[in-house]
C-alpha atoms as a PDB file:
ATOM      1  CA  MET A   1      21.197   1.793 -17.347  1.00  0.00           C
ATOM      2  CA  SER A   2      17.427   1.917 -16.865  1.00  0.00           C
ATOM      3  CA  ARG A   3      15.580   5.193 -16.588  1.00  0.00           C
ATOM      4  CA  ARG A   4      13.858   6.256 -13.404  1.00  0.00           C
ATOM      5  CA  ALA A   5      10.366   7.746 -13.650  1.00  0.00           C
ATOM      6  CA  THR A   6       8.242   9.010 -10.780  1.00  0.00           C
ATOM      7  CA  ILE A   7       4.517   8.269 -10.685  1.00  0.00           C
ATOM      8  CA  THR A   8       1.740  10.340  -9.157  1.00  0.00           C
ATOM      9  CA  ALA A   9      -1.670   8.733  -8.736  1.00  0.00           C
ATOM     10  CA  ALA A  10      -4.654  11.071  -8.898  1.00  0.00           C
ATOM     11  CA  GLY A  11      -6.821   8.429  -7.166  1.00  0.00           C
ATOM     12  CA  ALA A  12      -4.533   8.046  -4.148  1.00  0.00           C
ATOM     13  CA  PRO A  13      -4.170  10.440  -1.219  1.00  0.00           C
ATOM     14  CA  ALA A  14      -1.423  13.037  -1.422  1.00  0.00           C
ATOM     15  CA  ALA A  15       1.905  11.975   0.043  1.00  0.00           C
ATOM     16  CA  VAL A  16       2.401  13.052   3.658  1.00  0.00           C
ATOM     17  CA  GLY A  17       6.058  13.817   3.008  1.00  0.00           C
ATOM     18  CA  PRO A  18       8.591  14.535   0.271  1.00  0.00           C
ATOM     19  CA  TYR A  19       8.216  11.328  -1.737  1.00  0.00           C
ATOM     20  CA  SER A  20       6.523  10.022  -4.880  1.00  0.00           C
ATOM     21  CA  HIS A  21       3.629   7.582  -4.921  1.00  0.00           C
ATOM     22  CA  ALA A  22       5.883   5.251  -6.900  1.00  0.00           C
ATOM     23  CA  VAL A  23       9.023   5.061  -8.998  1.00  0.00           C
ATOM     24  CA  ARG A  24       9.421   2.937 -12.095  1.00  0.00           C
ATOM     25  CA  SER A  25      12.856   1.644 -12.961  1.00  0.00           C
ATOM     26  CA  GLY A  26      13.145  -0.752 -15.855  1.00  0.00           C
ATOM     27  CA  GLU A  27      10.480  -3.422 -15.512  1.00  0.00           C
ATOM     28  CA  LEU A  28       9.767  -2.796 -11.816  1.00  0.00           C
ATOM     29  CA  ILE A  29       7.521  -0.347  -9.978  1.00  0.00           C
ATOM     30  CA  PHE A  30       8.397   0.499  -6.381  1.00  0.00           C
ATOM     31  CA  CYS A  31       5.332   1.845  -4.562  1.00  0.00           C
ATOM     32  CA  SER A  32       5.794   4.003  -1.485  1.00  0.00           C
ATOM     33  CA  GLY A  33       3.970   2.986   1.657  1.00  0.00           C
ATOM     34  CA  GLN A  34       0.289   3.833   1.593  1.00  0.00           C
ATOM     35  CA  LEU A  35      -1.467   4.839   4.770  1.00  0.00           C
ATOM     36  CA  PRO A  36      -5.206   4.226   5.238  1.00  0.00           C
ATOM     37  CA  ILE A  37      -6.079   7.767   4.186  1.00  0.00           C
ATOM     38  CA  ASP A  38      -9.347   8.382   2.386  1.00  0.00           C
ATOM     39  CA  PRO A  39      -8.352  10.362  -0.729  1.00  0.00           C
ATOM     40  CA  ALA A  40     -11.566  12.424  -0.621  1.00  0.00           C
ATOM     41  CA  SER A  41     -11.401  13.527   3.024  1.00  0.00           C
ATOM     42  CA  GLY A  42      -7.668  13.312   3.694  1.00  0.00           C
ATOM     43  CA  GLN A  43      -8.458  11.563   6.983  1.00  0.00           C
ATOM     44  CA  ILE A  44      -7.519   8.122   8.316  1.00  0.00           C
ATOM     45  CA  ALA A  45     -10.274   5.700   7.270  1.00  0.00           C
ATOM     46  CA  GLY A  46     -11.342   2.813   9.494  1.00  0.00           C
ATOM     47  CA  ALA A  47     -11.067   2.277  13.210  1.00  0.00           C
ATOM     48  CA  GLY A  48      -9.534  -1.204  13.158  1.00  0.00           C
ATOM     49  CA  ALA A  49      -6.544  -2.775  11.453  1.00  0.00           C
ATOM     50  CA  GLY A  50      -8.746  -4.744   9.030  1.00  0.00           C
ATOM     51  CA  ALA A  51     -10.550  -1.666   7.710  1.00  0.00           C
ATOM     52  CA  GLN A  52      -7.276   0.236   7.543  1.00  0.00           C
ATOM     53  CA  THR A  53      -5.643  -2.622   5.614  1.00  0.00           C
ATOM     54  CA  GLN A  54      -8.455  -2.466   3.063  1.00  0.00           C
ATOM     55  CA  ARG A  55      -8.000   1.296   2.600  1.00  0.00           C
ATOM     56  CA  CYS A  56      -4.209   0.914   2.248  1.00  0.00           C
ATOM     57  CA  LEU A  57      -4.697  -1.714  -0.451  1.00  0.00           C
ATOM     58  CA  GLU A  58      -7.299   0.418  -2.256  1.00  0.00           C
ATOM     59  CA  ASN A  59      -4.777   3.265  -2.275  1.00  0.00           C
ATOM     60  CA  LEU A  60      -2.044   0.938  -3.570  1.00  0.00           C
ATOM     61  CA  GLN A  61      -4.426  -0.256  -6.274  1.00  0.00           C
ATOM     62  CA  ALA A  62      -4.843   3.369  -7.424  1.00  0.00           C
ATOM     63  CA  VAL A  63      -1.052   3.798  -7.497  1.00  0.00           C
ATOM     64  CA  ALA A  64      -0.589   0.539  -9.425  1.00  0.00           C
ATOM     65  CA  GLU A  65      -3.159   1.608 -12.009  1.00  0.00           C
ATOM     66  CA  ALA A  66      -1.548   5.044 -12.394  1.00  0.00           C
ATOM     67  CA  ALA A  67       1.719   3.219 -13.073  1.00  0.00           C
ATOM     68  CA  GLY A  68       0.113   1.037 -15.734  1.00  0.00           C
ATOM     69  CA  SER A  69       0.042  -2.127 -13.637  1.00  0.00           C
ATOM     70  CA  GLU A  70      -2.363  -3.893 -11.276  1.00  0.00           C
ATOM     71  CA  LEU A  71      -2.127  -4.641  -7.573  1.00  0.00           C
ATOM     72  CA  ALA A  72      -3.150  -8.245  -8.318  1.00  0.00           C
ATOM     73  CA  ARG A  73       0.194  -8.628 -10.153  1.00  0.00           C
ATOM     74  CA  ALA A  74       2.257  -7.516  -7.134  1.00  0.00           C
ATOM     75  CA  LEU A  75       5.499  -9.357  -6.520  1.00  0.00           C
ATOM     76  CA  ARG A  76       5.954  -8.397  -2.864  1.00  0.00           C
ATOM     77  CA  LEU A  77       4.180  -6.321  -0.234  1.00  0.00           C
ATOM     78  CA  THR A  78       5.348  -5.197   3.172  1.00  0.00           C
ATOM     79  CA  VAL A  79       2.725  -4.617   5.853  1.00  0.00           C
ATOM     80  CA  TYR A  80       3.745  -2.392   8.762  1.00  0.00           C
ATOM     81  CA  THR A  81       1.421  -2.435  11.757  1.00  0.00           C
ATOM     82  CA  THR A  82       1.205  -1.139  15.293  1.00  0.00           C
ATOM     83  CA  ALA A  83      -1.560  -3.684  15.962  1.00  0.00           C
ATOM     84  CA  LEU A  84      -0.102  -7.178  15.657  1.00  0.00           C
ATOM     85  CA  GLU A  85      -2.862  -8.348  17.986  1.00  0.00           C
ATOM     86  CA  GLN A  86      -5.237  -7.647  15.053  1.00  0.00           C
ATOM     87  CA  PHE A  87      -3.212  -9.820  12.659  1.00  0.00           C
ATOM     88  CA  ALA A  88      -6.260 -11.996  11.819  1.00  0.00           C
ATOM     89  CA  GLN A  89      -8.234  -8.923  10.698  1.00  0.00           C
ATOM     90  CA  ILE A  90      -5.284  -7.743   8.596  1.00  0.00           C
ATOM     91  CA  ASN A  91      -5.111 -11.156   6.902  1.00  0.00           C
ATOM     92  CA  GLU A  92      -8.864 -11.238   6.297  1.00  0.00           C
ATOM     93  CA  ALA A  93      -8.838  -7.863   4.527  1.00  0.00           C
ATOM     94  CA  TYR A  94      -5.639  -8.739   2.650  1.00  0.00           C
ATOM     95  CA  ALA A  95      -7.049 -12.045   1.378  1.00  0.00           C
ATOM     96  CA  LYS A  96      -9.908 -10.217  -0.377  1.00  0.00           C
ATOM     97  CA  PHE A  97      -7.359  -8.560  -2.682  1.00  0.00           C
ATOM     98  CA  PHE A  98      -5.264 -11.677  -3.305  1.00  0.00           C
ATOM     99  CA  ALA A  99      -7.618 -14.647  -3.450  1.00  0.00           C
ATOM    100  CA  ALA A 100      -5.380 -16.653  -5.808  1.00  0.00           C
ATOM    101  CA  GLU A 101      -1.598 -16.705  -6.067  1.00  0.00           C
ATOM    102  CA  PRO A 102      -0.879 -14.002  -3.471  1.00  0.00           C
ATOM    103  CA  PRO A 103       2.430 -12.148  -3.679  1.00  0.00           C
ATOM    104  CA  ALA A 104       5.307 -12.633  -1.296  1.00  0.00           C
ATOM    105  CA  ARG A 105       4.760 -10.647   1.893  1.00  0.00           C
ATOM    106  CA  VAL A 106       6.497  -9.424   4.998  1.00  0.00           C
ATOM    107  CA  THR A 107       4.622  -8.178   8.070  1.00  0.00           C
ATOM    108  CA  VAL A 108       6.515  -5.990  10.527  1.00  0.00           C
ATOM    109  CA  GLY A 109       5.311  -4.842  13.934  1.00  0.00           C
ATOM    110  CA  VAL A 110       6.291  -1.221  14.540  1.00  0.00           C
ATOM    111  CA  ALA A 111       5.990   1.202  17.459  1.00  0.00           C
ATOM    112  CA  ALA A 112       4.241   3.972  15.527  1.00  0.00           C
ATOM    113  CA  LEU A 113       3.131   5.059  12.056  1.00  0.00           C
ATOM    114  CA  PRO A 114       2.470   8.523  10.604  1.00  0.00           C
ATOM    115  CA  LEU A 115      -0.820  10.190  11.549  1.00  0.00           C
ATOM    116  CA  GLY A 116      -1.515   7.504  14.161  1.00  0.00           C
ATOM    117  CA  ALA A 117      -2.368   4.867  11.546  1.00  0.00           C
ATOM    118  CA  LEU A 118      -2.486   1.204  12.548  1.00  0.00           C
ATOM    119  CA  VAL A 119      -1.322  -0.051   9.126  1.00  0.00           C
ATOM    120  CA  GLU A 120       0.900   1.047   6.240  1.00  0.00           C
ATOM    121  CA  ILE A 121       1.613  -1.091   3.168  1.00  0.00           C
ATOM    122  CA  ASP A 122       4.136  -0.768   0.339  1.00  0.00           C
ATOM    123  CA  ALA A 123       4.547  -2.874  -2.802  1.00  0.00           C
ATOM    124  CA  ILE A 124       6.845  -3.917  -5.619  1.00  0.00           C
ATOM    125  CA  LEU A 125       5.054  -4.545  -8.924  1.00  0.00           C
ATOM    126  CA  PRO A 126       5.995  -5.572 -12.442  1.00  0.00           C
ATOM    127  CA  ALA A 127       5.632  -2.807 -15.016  1.00  0.00           C
END
C-alpha cells in the first residue's frame, strides 16, 4: 500500500478551507483546486476569466514545485468556471502554460465558486 503525504506550498495562497494544497500517493500528486488568489494580498487577482486562469495556474505551479514536480508535466487538469462565455480567454491564458503536449483537461461550468471567483483549477501530476 502506498503512503499518503500532504503537501503545503509556501508560494501558494493559504487554503480557504480544511484541505491540503496537495496529497502525494505513490507516484501521483493530487492538487486541490486553486482559486485566483494573489498569495501576497490574499485577494482575488484579475477581473476577467483569462487573468484569473493565469493566477490559478501560477498558484498550481507553486504547489507542483513544492511537491517536487512541475505543472508542465501535469497529466490532467479540471477547470471550473462561472464564465463559460469567456472560454476563449480561459484557453488563451491556459495555452501560455502548455504550449506543447498539453495535459488532458475537463472544463466544467458551475453556478458559483468560493470568494466569487470566476475560475478554479485542480491538477493531477506525476511525482
